[in-house]
C-alpha atoms as a PDB file:
ATOM      1  CA  MET A   1      35.073  13.461-121.748  1.00  0.00           C
ATOM      2  CA  ASN A   2      34.537  13.938-125.524  1.00  0.00           C
ATOM      3  CA  LYS A   3      35.466  17.634-125.493  1.00  0.00           C
ATOM      4  CA  ASP A   4      35.445  19.511-128.795  1.00  0.00           C
ATOM      5  CA  LEU A   5      38.806  18.948-130.478  1.00  0.00           C
ATOM      6  CA  LYS A   6      39.448  22.620-131.281  1.00  0.00           C
ATOM      7  CA  ASP A   7      39.255  23.483-127.574  1.00  0.00           C
ATOM      8  CA  MET A   8      41.502  20.645-126.352  1.00  0.00           C
ATOM      9  CA  THR A   9      44.988  20.966-125.028  1.00  0.00           C
ATOM     10  CA  TYR A  10      47.659  18.399-125.798  1.00  0.00           C
ATOM     11  CA  ARG A  11      47.441  17.105-122.230  1.00  0.00           C
ATOM     12  CA  GLU A  12      43.665  16.678-122.423  1.00  0.00           C
ATOM     13  CA  ALA A  13      43.970  14.815-125.721  1.00  0.00           C
ATOM     14  CA  THR A  14      46.606  12.418-124.401  1.00  0.00           C
ATOM     15  CA  GLN A  15      44.591  11.825-121.228  1.00  0.00           C
ATOM     16  CA  GLU A  16      41.503  10.955-123.259  1.00  0.00           C
ATOM     17  CA  LEU A  17      43.580   8.631-125.433  1.00  0.00           C
ATOM     18  CA  GLU A  18      44.836   6.887-122.295  1.00  0.00           C
ATOM     19  CA  GLU A  19      41.253   6.519-121.023  1.00  0.00           C
ATOM     20  CA  ILE A  20      40.147   4.990-124.311  1.00  0.00           C
ATOM     21  CA  LEU A  21      43.100   2.611-124.297  1.00  0.00           C
ATOM     22  CA  ARG A  22      42.397   1.492-120.720  1.00  0.00           C
ATOM     23  CA  ALA A  23      38.736   0.922-121.553  1.00  0.00           C
ATOM     24  CA  ILE A  24      39.634  -1.177-124.598  1.00  0.00           C
ATOM     25  CA  GLU A  25      42.281  -3.153-122.693  1.00  0.00           C
ATOM     26  CA  ASN A  26      39.821  -3.889-119.877  1.00  0.00           C
ATOM     27  CA  ASP A  27      37.089  -4.971-122.297  1.00  0.00           C
ATOM     28  CA  ALA A  28      34.939  -2.108-120.990  1.00  0.00           C
ATOM     29  CA  VAL A  29      34.057  -1.062-124.549  1.00  0.00           C
ATOM     30  CA  ASP A  30      31.052  -2.661-126.179  1.00  0.00           C
ATOM     31  CA  VAL A  31      31.577  -3.836-129.751  1.00  0.00           C
ATOM     32  CA  ASP A  32      29.015  -1.274-130.910  1.00  0.00           C
ATOM     33  CA  GLU A  33      31.016   1.472-129.196  1.00  0.00           C
ATOM     34  CA  LEU A  34      34.416   0.268-130.405  1.00  0.00           C
ATOM     35  CA  THR A  35      34.188   1.923-133.834  1.00  0.00           C
ATOM     36  CA  GLN A  36      33.394   5.278-132.223  1.00  0.00           C
ATOM     37  CA  LYS A  37      36.317   4.918-129.820  1.00  0.00           C
ATOM     38  CA  VAL A  38      38.721   4.045-132.637  1.00  0.00           C
ATOM     39  CA  GLN A  39      37.529   7.026-134.706  1.00  0.00           C
ATOM     40  CA  ARG A  40      37.867   9.363-131.710  1.00  0.00           C
ATOM     41  CA  SER A  41      41.355   7.989-131.034  1.00  0.00           C
ATOM     42  CA  SER A  42      42.336   8.713-134.621  1.00  0.00           C
ATOM     43  CA  GLN A  43      41.133  12.313-134.279  1.00  0.00           C
ATOM     44  CA  LEU A  44      42.988  12.750-130.988  1.00  0.00           C
ATOM     45  CA  ILE A  45      46.228  11.345-132.424  1.00  0.00           C
ATOM     46  CA  LYS A  46      45.966  13.713-135.380  1.00  0.00           C
ATOM     47  CA  LEU A  47      45.404  16.642-133.006  1.00  0.00           C
ATOM     48  CA  CYS A  48      48.436  15.673-130.907  1.00  0.00           C
ATOM     49  CA  LYS A  49      50.646  15.387-133.990  1.00  0.00           C
ATOM     50  CA  GLU A  50      49.526  18.827-135.186  1.00  0.00           C
ATOM     51  CA  LYS A  51      50.228  20.380-131.782  1.00  0.00           C
ATOM     52  CA  LEU A  52      53.677  18.770-131.665  1.00  0.00           C
ATOM     53  CA  ARG A  53      54.499  20.037-135.175  1.00  0.00           C
ATOM     54  CA  LYS A  54      53.381  23.561-134.228  1.00  0.00           C
ATOM     55  CA  ALA A  55      55.490  23.477-131.081  1.00  0.00           C
ATOM     56  CA  GLU A  56      58.503  22.231-133.014  1.00  0.00           C
ATOM     57  CA  LYS A  57      58.138  25.001-135.617  1.00  0.00           C
ATOM     58  CA  ALA A  58      57.752  27.637-132.907  1.00  0.00           C
ATOM     59  CA  ILE A  59      60.848  26.406-131.097  1.00  0.00           C
ATOM     60  CA  ASP A  60      62.844  26.285-134.330  1.00  0.00           C
ATOM     61  CA  GLN A  61      61.726  29.820-135.145  1.00  0.00           C
ATOM     62  CA  VAL A  62      62.861  31.098-131.739  1.00  0.00           C
ATOM     63  CA  PHE A  63      66.286  29.539-132.176  1.00  0.00           C
ATOM     64  CA  ASN A  64      66.591  30.882-135.718  1.00  0.00           C
ATOM     65  CA  GLU A  65      65.492  34.402-134.733  1.00  0.00           C
ATOM     66  CA  GLU A  66      67.727  34.536-131.700  1.00  0.00           C
ATOM     67  CA  ASN A  67      70.611  32.956-133.572  1.00  0.00           C
ATOM     68  CA  CYS A  68      71.163  30.719-130.592  1.00  0.00           C
ATOM     69  CA  GLU A  69      73.490  28.415-132.409  1.00  0.00           C
ATOM     70  CA  THR A  70      76.362  27.484-130.149  1.00  0.00           C
ATOM     71  CA  PRO A  71      79.663  28.120-131.878  1.00  0.00           C
ATOM     72  CA  ALA A  72      81.960  25.148-132.153  1.00  0.00           C
ATOM     73  CA  PRO A  73      84.743  25.261-129.574  1.00  0.00           C
ATOM     74  CA  ALA A  74      87.969  26.665-130.942  1.00  0.00           C
ATOM     75  CA  LYS A  75      90.631  24.099-131.687  1.00  0.00           C
ATOM     76  CA  PRO A  76      93.855  24.638-129.797  1.00  0.00           C
ATOM     77  CA  GLN A  77      96.667  25.910-131.978  1.00  0.00           C
ATOM     78  CA  GLU A  78      99.628  23.662-132.463  1.00  0.00           C
ATOM     79  CA  GLY A  79     102.090  24.010-129.613  1.00  0.00           C
ATOM     80  CA  LYS A  80      99.533  25.634-127.273  1.00  0.00           C
ATOM     81  CA  ALA A  81      97.266  24.088-124.655  1.00  0.00           C
ATOM     82  CA  ALA A  82      93.503  24.443-124.994  1.00  0.00           C
ATOM     83  CA  ASN A  83      93.462  27.452-122.621  1.00  0.00           C
ATOM     84  CA  GLY A  84      95.985  29.360-124.702  1.00  0.00           C
ATOM     85  CA  SER A  85      99.062  28.806-122.520  1.00  0.00           C
ATOM     86  CA  LEU A  86     102.077  26.873-123.606  1.00  0.00           C
ATOM     87  CA  PHE A  87     101.861  24.496-120.638  1.00  0.00           C
END
């Protein structure tokens, strides 16, 4: 696969990581190739972390802008049921 990192989606990066892991687990990686695979894995992990951080910030921003905080439920007043009636 070895697609350019800047053009990769999160899904593509995780799929390539899984392929590398399977190859290493199955001893399909030559010792000479192992260093390259480990370096590529490191780059892919960094990319995934960056994409997750960006997504988290974007989601936080949406909630902050929309003021989507759910208000805490009102506590029932003494002597009244939670729905406001006496019984």
